[in-house]
Amino acid sequence: MSYLEYTVKHTPSGLRKVLYLNWGLVLVLAAVAGVGFLMLYSVAGGSYSPWAALQMKRFALGLGLMFAVAMVPIWFWRNMAGVAYGASVLLLVLVELYGDAAGGAQRWVDLGVMRLQPSELTKITLVMMLAAYYDWLPVTKTSRPLWVLVPVLLVLLPTYLTLRQPDLGTALLLVIGGAMVMFMAGVHWLYFAAVIGLGVGLVSTVFESRGTPWQLLKDYQFRRIDTFLDPSSDPLGAGYHITQSKIALGSGGWTGRGFMQGTQSRLNFLPEKHTDFIFTTLAEEFGFVGGFSLLLLYALIIVFCIVIALQNRDRFSALLVLGIAGAFFLYFAVNMSMVMGLAPVVGVPLPLVSFGGSAMLVLMVAFGLVQSAHIHRPR
């Protein structure tokens, strides 16, 4: 009996699927989202509008999507991986042709009922596609050059389209997330060593291209790098975001100033306080204790995913869950590093906490896939 036949025969139904849900993971996701509601209420000056109420509705919709995705057998999602990847690439092309622009970037496509940021969706569909590819590919071929080239092209295509928006932060996350799935699938480490060497050379080339006709990055992206290296060089211009962020982080101390008592956010010194820099609001009001508590919740989500992957004998399911866990880790690791001045400022939201529709819904669908892998694993 094949694995597919076995899973179809032993797929739980009805109430058993609900009982098989990893309810611990659901509770932790709800706790993280609750932190986001609290912070959005605070930065709005003690009001549910305009951010907290809408974020609650989005999370409720996200929960519904997660449960719906979880109820569908994991083998169906494996068969749909190519369609999902192709659809996300097509949406990226539509962004290039007809996308909505904001803040100097063209990253959204209007679907009528909502504005979708396809690059957020691509972070998950890319993981699905790579997991399906390595599930199909015999393990003995994993590190052969021809079979390594295929996933590299799968990663580079959406990365190129995302860079054109331009969205350097998301493009880097796509590359790193894809590389993590390839590494977990068993691709030989020498390939990654070679890529790291090429990356060092590329970084040198990028800096050499500055001010030339063939400049590889936009001027504002170079300014972000300058600001990262020396925020004090332009404290009222490009360095303003990170300077105010560090002030907010430092003023929180161990236990914070208290709920809705943060001066940086309440007096509007902190820019993007409800989106990319919302972690600094949390750290200012609840201090190190609050920031570390959120980090523990994030770590617990990663642990749940790793346990689910280790319990699953299906190669696709295990790679999918680990890939989603890796993408989720990159989300909060990059955002926290950014607001603390440990990485350049890029447009990466704090998962389930920052205000935003596309990122919230895509993440909840991703955790629906994790739950599907958990529910439908052989028992």
Protein backbone atom coordinates (compact mmCIF):
# COMPACT_ATOMS: atom_id res chain seq x y z
CA MET A 1 0.00 0.00 0.00
CA SER A 2 1.43 3.40 -1.00
CA TYR A 3 1.70 6.26 1.48
CA LEU A 4 -1.08 8.15 -0.33
CA GLU A 5 -3.40 5.13 -0.14
CA TYR A 6 -2.55 4.69 3.52
CA THR A 7 -3.29 8.33 4.41
CA VAL A 8 -6.57 8.32 2.47
CA LYS A 9 -7.66 5.13 4.24
CA HIS A 10 -6.63 6.36 7.69
CA THR A 11 -7.61 10.03 7.34
CA PRO A 12 -9.62 11.08 10.43
CA SER A 13 -13.04 12.55 9.81
CA GLY A 14 -15.55 14.87 11.43
CA LEU A 15 -15.06 15.55 15.10
CA ARG A 16 -11.83 13.56 15.26
CA LYS A 17 -10.11 16.13 13.04
CA VAL A 18 -11.05 18.88 15.47
CA LEU A 19 -9.80 16.80 18.38
CA TYR A 20 -6.52 16.09 16.57
CA LEU A 21 -5.79 19.81 16.16
CA ASN A 22 -2.72 20.97 18.05
CA TRP A 23 -4.66 23.17 20.43
CA GLY A 24 -1.50 24.25 22.24
CA LEU A 25 -0.29 25.88 19.03
CA VAL A 26 -3.68 27.56 18.55
CA LEU A 27 -3.55 29.03 22.08
CA VAL A 28 -0.02 30.38 21.63
CA LEU A 29 -0.95 31.97 18.29
CA ALA A 30 -3.95 33.59 19.99
CA ALA A 31 -1.71 34.84 22.82
CA VAL A 32 0.71 36.47 20.36
CA ALA A 33 -2.17 38.07 18.47
CA GLY A 34 -3.54 39.29 21.81
CA VAL A 35 -0.25 41.11 22.43
CA GLY A 36 -0.73 42.79 19.06
CA PHE A 37 -4.29 43.89 19.93
CA LEU A 38 -3.03 45.35 23.20
CA MET A 39 -0.25 47.30 21.53
CA LEU A 40 -2.46 48.60 18.72
CA TYR A 41 -4.98 49.77 21.34
CA SER A 42 -2.16 51.57 23.15
CA VAL A 43 -0.60 53.32 20.12
CA ALA A 44 -4.08 54.58 19.16
CA GLY A 45 -4.27 56.41 22.49
CA GLY A 46 -6.63 53.97 24.17
CA SER A 47 -8.96 53.38 21.23
CA TYR A 48 -9.94 50.27 19.29
CA SER A 49 -10.01 52.31 16.11
CA PRO A 50 -8.42 52.59 13.66
CA TRP A 51 -6.14 49.58 14.17
CA ALA A 52 -7.03 47.18 16.99
CA ALA A 53 -10.64 46.48 15.96
CA LEU A 54 -9.70 45.80 12.35
CA GLN A 55 -6.79 43.60 13.44
CA MET A 56 -9.16 41.55 15.63
CA LYS A 57 -11.48 40.99 12.67
CA ARG A 58 -8.55 39.93 10.53
CA PHE A 59 -7.34 37.47 13.17
CA ALA A 60 -10.85 36.00 13.48
CA LEU A 61 -10.91 35.54 9.69
CA GLY A 62 -7.41 34.09 9.87
CA LEU A 63 -8.49 31.56 12.48
CA GLY A 64 -11.34 30.49 10.23
CA LEU A 65 -8.93 30.08 7.31
CA MET A 66 -6.50 28.12 9.49
CA PHE A 67 -9.22 25.66 10.59
CA ALA A 68 -10.50 25.32 7.01
CA VAL A 69 -7.01 24.59 5.64
CA ALA A 70 -6.31 22.19 8.52
CA MET A 71 -9.36 20.05 7.73
CA VAL A 72 -8.13 19.34 4.18
CA PRO A 73 -5.79 16.29 3.88
CA ILE A 74 -2.13 17.17 3.54
CA TRP A 75 -1.77 15.15 0.33
CA PHE A 76 -4.18 17.59 -1.34
CA TRP A 77 -1.91 20.51 -0.46
CA ARG A 78 1.07 18.59 -1.80
CA ASN A 79 -0.73 18.17 -5.14
CA MET A 80 -1.67 21.86 -5.13
CA ALA A 81 1.86 23.12 -4.42
CA GLY A 82 2.68 23.81 -8.07
CA VAL A 83 -0.62 25.61 -8.64
CA ALA A 84 -0.12 27.76 -5.52
CA TYR A 85 3.45 28.64 -6.52
CA GLY A 86 2.40 29.48 -10.07
CA ALA A 87 -0.48 31.65 -8.83
CA SER A 88 1.81 33.62 -6.52
CA VAL A 89 4.33 34.22 -9.33
CA LEU A 90 1.47 35.36 -11.59
CA LEU A 91 0.32 37.79 -8.88
CA LEU A 92 3.87 39.17 -8.66
CA VAL A 93 3.77 39.77 -12.41
CA LEU A 94 0.41 41.53 -12.01
CA VAL A 95 1.97 43.75 -9.35
CA GLU A 96 4.69 44.65 -11.85
CA LEU A 97 2.09 45.55 -14.49
CA TYR A 98 -0.90 46.91 -12.56
CA GLY A 99 0.10 47.04 -8.90
CA ASP A 100 -0.81 49.78 -6.43
CA ALA A 101 2.07 51.95 -5.24
CA ALA A 102 2.61 53.41 -1.76
CA GLY A 103 5.68 54.83 -0.05
CA GLY A 104 7.74 54.69 -3.22
CA ALA A 105 7.15 50.96 -3.77
CA GLN A 106 4.70 49.03 -5.95
CA ARG A 107 3.90 45.95 -3.88
CA TRP A 108 0.11 45.49 -3.79
CA VAL A 109 -2.57 44.22 -6.14
CA ASP A 110 -6.21 45.21 -5.71
CA LEU A 111 -8.45 42.13 -5.70
CA GLY A 112 -11.64 44.12 -5.16
CA VAL A 113 -12.42 42.83 -1.66
CA MET A 114 -8.90 43.55 -0.35
CA ARG A 115 -5.42 44.72 -1.28
CA LEU A 116 -3.05 41.74 -1.33
CA GLN A 117 0.72 41.86 -1.09
CA PRO A 118 1.71 38.81 -3.20
CA SER A 119 5.28 38.74 -1.90
CA GLU A 120 3.89 37.74 1.53
CA LEU A 121 1.99 34.86 -0.07
CA THR A 122 5.09 33.80 -1.99
CA LYS A 123 7.02 33.17 1.23
CA ILE A 124 4.68 30.25 1.92
CA THR A 125 3.99 28.98 -1.61
CA LEU A 126 7.73 28.82 -2.26
CA VAL A 127 8.15 26.57 0.79
CA MET A 128 5.25 24.40 -0.45
CA MET A 129 6.81 24.07 -3.91
CA LEU A 130 10.26 23.17 -2.60
CA ALA A 131 8.81 20.64 -0.13
CA ALA A 132 6.80 19.01 -2.94
CA TYR A 133 9.87 18.97 -5.20
CA TYR A 134 12.06 17.22 -2.63
CA ASP A 135 9.23 14.83 -1.77
CA TRP A 136 9.15 13.82 -5.46
CA LEU A 137 12.94 13.75 -5.95
CA PRO A 138 14.79 10.57 -4.85
CA VAL A 139 17.07 11.29 -1.91
CA THR A 140 20.11 10.02 -3.88
CA LYS A 141 19.69 12.88 -6.39
CA THR A 142 19.31 15.68 -3.85
CA SER A 143 22.85 17.02 -4.18
CA ARG A 144 23.45 16.39 -7.88
CA PRO A 145 24.12 19.70 -9.70
CA LEU A 146 21.27 19.41 -12.22
CA TRP A 147 18.72 18.69 -9.50
CA VAL A 148 20.09 21.51 -7.32
CA LEU A 149 19.65 23.97 -10.19
CA VAL A 150 15.87 23.43 -10.36
CA PRO A 151 15.08 24.69 -6.81
CA VAL A 152 17.58 27.52 -7.26
CA LEU A 153 15.56 28.72 -10.25
CA LEU A 154 12.33 28.28 -8.29
CA VAL A 155 13.76 30.62 -5.63
CA LEU A 156 15.30 33.17 -8.00
CA LEU A 157 12.18 33.79 -10.12
CA PRO A 158 9.97 35.28 -7.34
CA THR A 159 13.04 36.89 -5.76
CA TYR A 160 13.74 38.82 -8.97
CA LEU A 161 10.11 39.93 -9.27
CA THR A 162 10.09 41.04 -5.63
CA LEU A 163 13.31 43.02 -6.05
CA ARG A 164 11.72 44.95 -8.90
CA GLN A 165 8.94 46.32 -6.64
CA PRO A 166 11.44 47.18 -4.95
CA ASP A 167 11.34 45.12 -1.73
CA LEU A 168 14.85 44.12 -0.71
CA GLY A 169 13.81 42.81 2.72
CA THR A 170 11.25 40.33 1.41
CA ALA A 171 13.57 39.29 -1.43
CA LEU A 172 16.26 38.39 1.10
CA LEU A 173 13.73 36.43 3.17
CA LEU A 174 12.72 34.45 0.08
CA VAL A 175 16.34 33.54 -0.65
CA ILE A 176 17.16 32.60 2.95
CA GLY A 177 13.86 30.73 3.44
CA GLY A 178 14.40 28.75 0.22
CA ALA A 179 17.97 27.94 1.23
CA MET A 180 16.77 26.67 4.61
CA VAL A 181 14.37 24.20 2.94
CA MET A 182 17.12 23.02 0.58
CA PHE A 183 19.51 22.51 3.49
CA MET A 184 16.90 20.58 5.50
CA ALA A 185 16.18 18.45 2.43
CA GLY A 186 19.80 17.30 2.45
CA VAL A 187 21.57 19.44 -0.17
CA HIS A 188 25.34 19.22 0.46
CA TRP A 189 26.83 22.00 2.57
CA LEU A 190 29.49 22.81 -0.04
CA TYR A 191 26.81 24.41 -2.22
CA PHE A 192 25.94 26.77 0.60
CA ALA A 193 29.60 27.55 1.27
CA ALA A 194 30.00 28.46 -2.40
CA VAL A 195 26.90 30.68 -2.28
CA ILE A 196 28.17 32.45 0.85
CA GLY A 197 31.46 33.12 -0.94
CA LEU A 198 29.59 34.51 -3.93
CA GLY A 199 27.44 36.56 -1.55
CA VAL A 200 30.48 38.22 -0.06
CA GLY A 201 31.65 39.08 -3.56
CA LEU A 202 28.19 40.37 -4.47
CA VAL A 203 28.09 42.63 -1.43
CA SER A 204 31.45 44.08 -2.44
CA THR A 205 30.14 44.62 -5.97
CA VAL A 206 27.01 46.33 -4.65
CA PHE A 207 29.07 48.84 -2.72
CA GLU A 208 31.38 49.36 -5.68
CA SER A 209 28.35 50.10 -7.90
CA ARG A 210 27.21 53.05 -5.78
CA GLY A 211 27.09 56.25 -7.77
CA THR A 212 27.76 54.50 -11.09
CA PRO A 213 25.38 54.13 -14.07
CA TRP A 214 25.01 50.41 -13.20
CA GLN A 215 24.10 50.99 -9.53
CA LEU A 216 22.57 47.75 -8.19
CA LEU A 217 20.48 49.19 -5.33
CA LYS A 218 18.15 52.15 -5.05
CA ASP A 219 19.46 55.29 -3.35
CA TYR A 220 17.10 54.84 -0.39
CA GLN A 221 18.39 51.29 0.12
CA PHE A 222 21.97 52.58 0.30
CA ARG A 223 20.79 55.21 2.79
CA ARG A 224 19.35 52.42 4.93
CA ILE A 225 22.74 50.70 4.95
CA ASP A 226 24.47 53.97 5.87
CA THR A 227 21.97 54.50 8.65
CA PHE A 228 22.53 50.98 9.95
CA LEU A 229 26.30 51.51 10.09
CA ASP A 230 26.07 55.01 11.60
CA PRO A 231 22.56 56.21 12.64
CA SER A 232 24.00 59.40 14.14
CA SER A 233 25.20 60.56 10.72
CA ASP A 234 21.66 61.72 9.88
CA PRO A 235 19.59 61.68 13.11
CA LEU A 236 16.77 63.82 11.68
CA GLY A 237 16.70 62.18 8.25
CA ALA A 238 17.47 58.59 7.30
CA GLY A 239 18.65 57.80 10.84
CA TYR A 240 15.50 59.10 12.53
CA HIS A 241 13.65 55.78 12.67
CA ILE A 242 16.39 53.77 14.32
CA THR A 243 17.45 56.62 16.64
CA GLN A 244 13.92 57.00 18.04
CA SER A 245 13.57 53.22 18.21
CA LYS A 246 16.70 52.90 20.36
CA ILE A 247 15.50 55.69 22.65
CA ALA A 248 12.20 53.86 23.15
CA LEU A 249 13.92 50.53 23.77
CA GLY A 250 16.33 52.03 26.28
CA SER A 251 13.71 54.03 28.17
CA GLY A 252 11.69 50.88 28.88
CA GLY A 253 14.31 49.44 31.21
CA TRP A 254 13.52 46.12 32.90
CA THR A 255 9.78 46.46 33.51
CA GLY A 256 8.77 49.38 31.27
CA ARG A 257 7.00 52.66 31.80
CA GLY A 258 3.59 51.04 32.07
CA PHE A 259 0.72 50.35 29.72
CA MET A 260 -0.07 53.41 27.56
CA GLN A 261 2.68 55.38 29.31
CA GLY A 262 5.32 55.26 26.57
CA THR A 263 6.43 58.76 25.68
CA GLN A 264 7.98 57.89 22.30
CA SER A 265 4.80 56.34 20.95
CA ARG A 266 2.22 58.54 22.71
CA LEU A 267 3.96 61.76 21.59
CA ASN A 268 4.44 60.41 18.05
CA PHE A 269 8.23 60.51 18.11
CA LEU A 270 8.28 56.87 17.01
CA PRO A 271 7.44 56.44 13.29
CA GLU A 272 5.55 53.40 11.98
CA LYS A 273 4.63 52.62 15.58
CA HIS A 274 1.71 50.39 14.60
CA THR A 275 3.53 48.40 11.89
CA ASP A 276 7.25 47.65 11.57
CA PHE A 277 8.30 49.37 14.83
CA ILE A 278 5.55 48.07 17.12
CA PHE A 279 8.07 45.99 19.10
CA THR A 280 9.67 49.18 20.39
CA THR A 281 6.29 50.28 21.76
CA LEU A 282 6.01 46.95 23.60
CA ALA A 283 9.55 47.27 24.96
CA GLU A 284 8.99 50.85 26.10
CA GLU A 285 5.75 50.09 27.93
CA PHE A 286 6.61 46.61 29.32
CA GLY A 287 10.41 46.73 29.27
CA PHE A 288 12.77 43.78 28.91
CA VAL A 289 10.26 41.51 30.64
CA GLY A 290 7.58 42.24 28.04
CA GLY A 291 9.90 41.92 25.05
CA PHE A 292 11.43 38.69 26.34
CA SER A 293 7.98 37.24 27.08
CA LEU A 294 6.93 37.82 23.47
CA LEU A 295 10.17 36.21 22.31
CA LEU A 296 9.37 33.15 24.45
CA LEU A 297 5.93 32.87 22.82
CA TYR A 298 7.57 32.99 19.40
CA ALA A 299 10.08 30.33 20.48
CA LEU A 300 7.23 28.13 21.71
CA ILE A 301 5.57 28.31 18.27
CA ILE A 302 8.85 27.17 16.69
CA VAL A 303 9.09 24.29 19.18
CA PHE A 304 5.52 23.17 18.37
CA CYS A 305 6.41 23.14 14.65
CA ILE A 306 9.63 21.18 15.17
CA VAL A 307 7.83 18.55 17.27
CA ILE A 308 5.10 18.21 14.62
CA ALA A 309 7.77 17.77 11.92
CA LEU A 310 9.69 15.16 13.93
CA GLN A 311 6.52 13.17 14.55
CA ASN A 312 5.69 13.06 10.84
CA ARG A 313 7.07 10.28 8.61
CA ASP A 314 5.91 12.01 5.41
CA ARG A 315 8.83 13.84 3.77
CA PHE A 316 6.60 16.55 2.28
CA SER A 317 4.86 17.26 5.58
CA ALA A 318 8.09 17.39 7.56
CA LEU A 319 9.82 19.73 5.09
CA LEU A 320 6.72 21.91 4.80
CA VAL A 321 6.37 22.35 8.55
CA LEU A 322 10.09 23.01 9.05
CA GLY A 323 10.09 25.46 6.14
CA ILE A 324 7.14 27.36 7.60
CA ALA A 325 8.85 27.40 11.00
CA GLY A 326 11.99 28.78 9.34
CA ALA A 327 10.03 31.49 7.50
CA PHE A 328 8.26 32.43 10.74
CA PHE A 329 11.60 32.63 12.56
CA LEU A 330 13.00 34.93 9.88
CA TYR A 331 9.97 37.21 10.26
CA PHE A 332 10.46 38.02 13.93
CA ALA A 333 14.26 37.68 13.99
CA VAL A 334 14.71 40.23 11.20
CA ASN A 335 12.11 42.62 12.62
CA MET A 336 13.57 42.57 16.15
CA SER A 337 17.12 42.89 14.84
CA MET A 338 16.03 45.82 12.69
CA VAL A 339 14.40 47.83 15.47
CA MET A 340 17.35 47.17 17.81
CA GLY A 341 19.86 48.43 15.25
CA LEU A 342 21.40 44.99 14.64
CA ALA A 343 20.25 44.89 11.00
CA PRO A 344 19.40 47.50 8.35
CA VAL A 345 15.84 48.84 8.38
CA VAL A 346 13.74 46.79 5.94
CA GLY A 347 9.99 46.47 5.56
CA VAL A 348 9.44 43.27 7.58
CA PRO A 349 6.47 43.25 10.00
CA LEU A 350 6.45 41.64 13.43
CA PRO A 351 4.38 38.48 12.83
CA LEU A 352 0.82 38.50 14.24
CA VAL A 353 1.57 41.72 16.14
CA SER A 354 2.15 44.42 13.51
CA PHE A 355 -0.93 45.92 11.88
CA GLY A 356 -1.44 44.44 8.43
CA GLY A 357 -3.81 42.21 6.52
CA SER A 358 -1.74 40.23 4.01
CA ALA A 359 0.92 39.12 6.50
CA MET A 360 -1.66 38.12 9.13
CA LEU A 361 -3.87 36.07 6.79
CA VAL A 362 -0.94 34.39 4.99
CA LEU A 363 0.62 33.35 8.30
CA MET A 364 -2.66 31.89 9.55
CA VAL A 365 -3.04 29.90 6.31
CA ALA A 366 0.56 28.70 6.79
CA PHE A 367 -0.25 27.46 10.28
CA GLY A 368 -3.33 25.81 8.81
CA LEU A 369 -0.91 23.78 6.65
CA VAL A 370 1.06 22.92 9.79
CA GLN A 371 -2.15 21.75 11.47
CA SER A 372 -3.10 19.71 8.38
CA ALA A 373 0.25 17.94 8.51
CA HIS A 374 -0.33 17.26 12.21
CA ILE A 375 -3.92 16.02 11.86
CA HIS A 376 -3.37 13.76 8.84
CA ARG A 377 -0.09 12.15 9.79
CA PRO A 378 -0.10 8.33 10.08
CA ARG A 379 -0.99 7.27 13.61
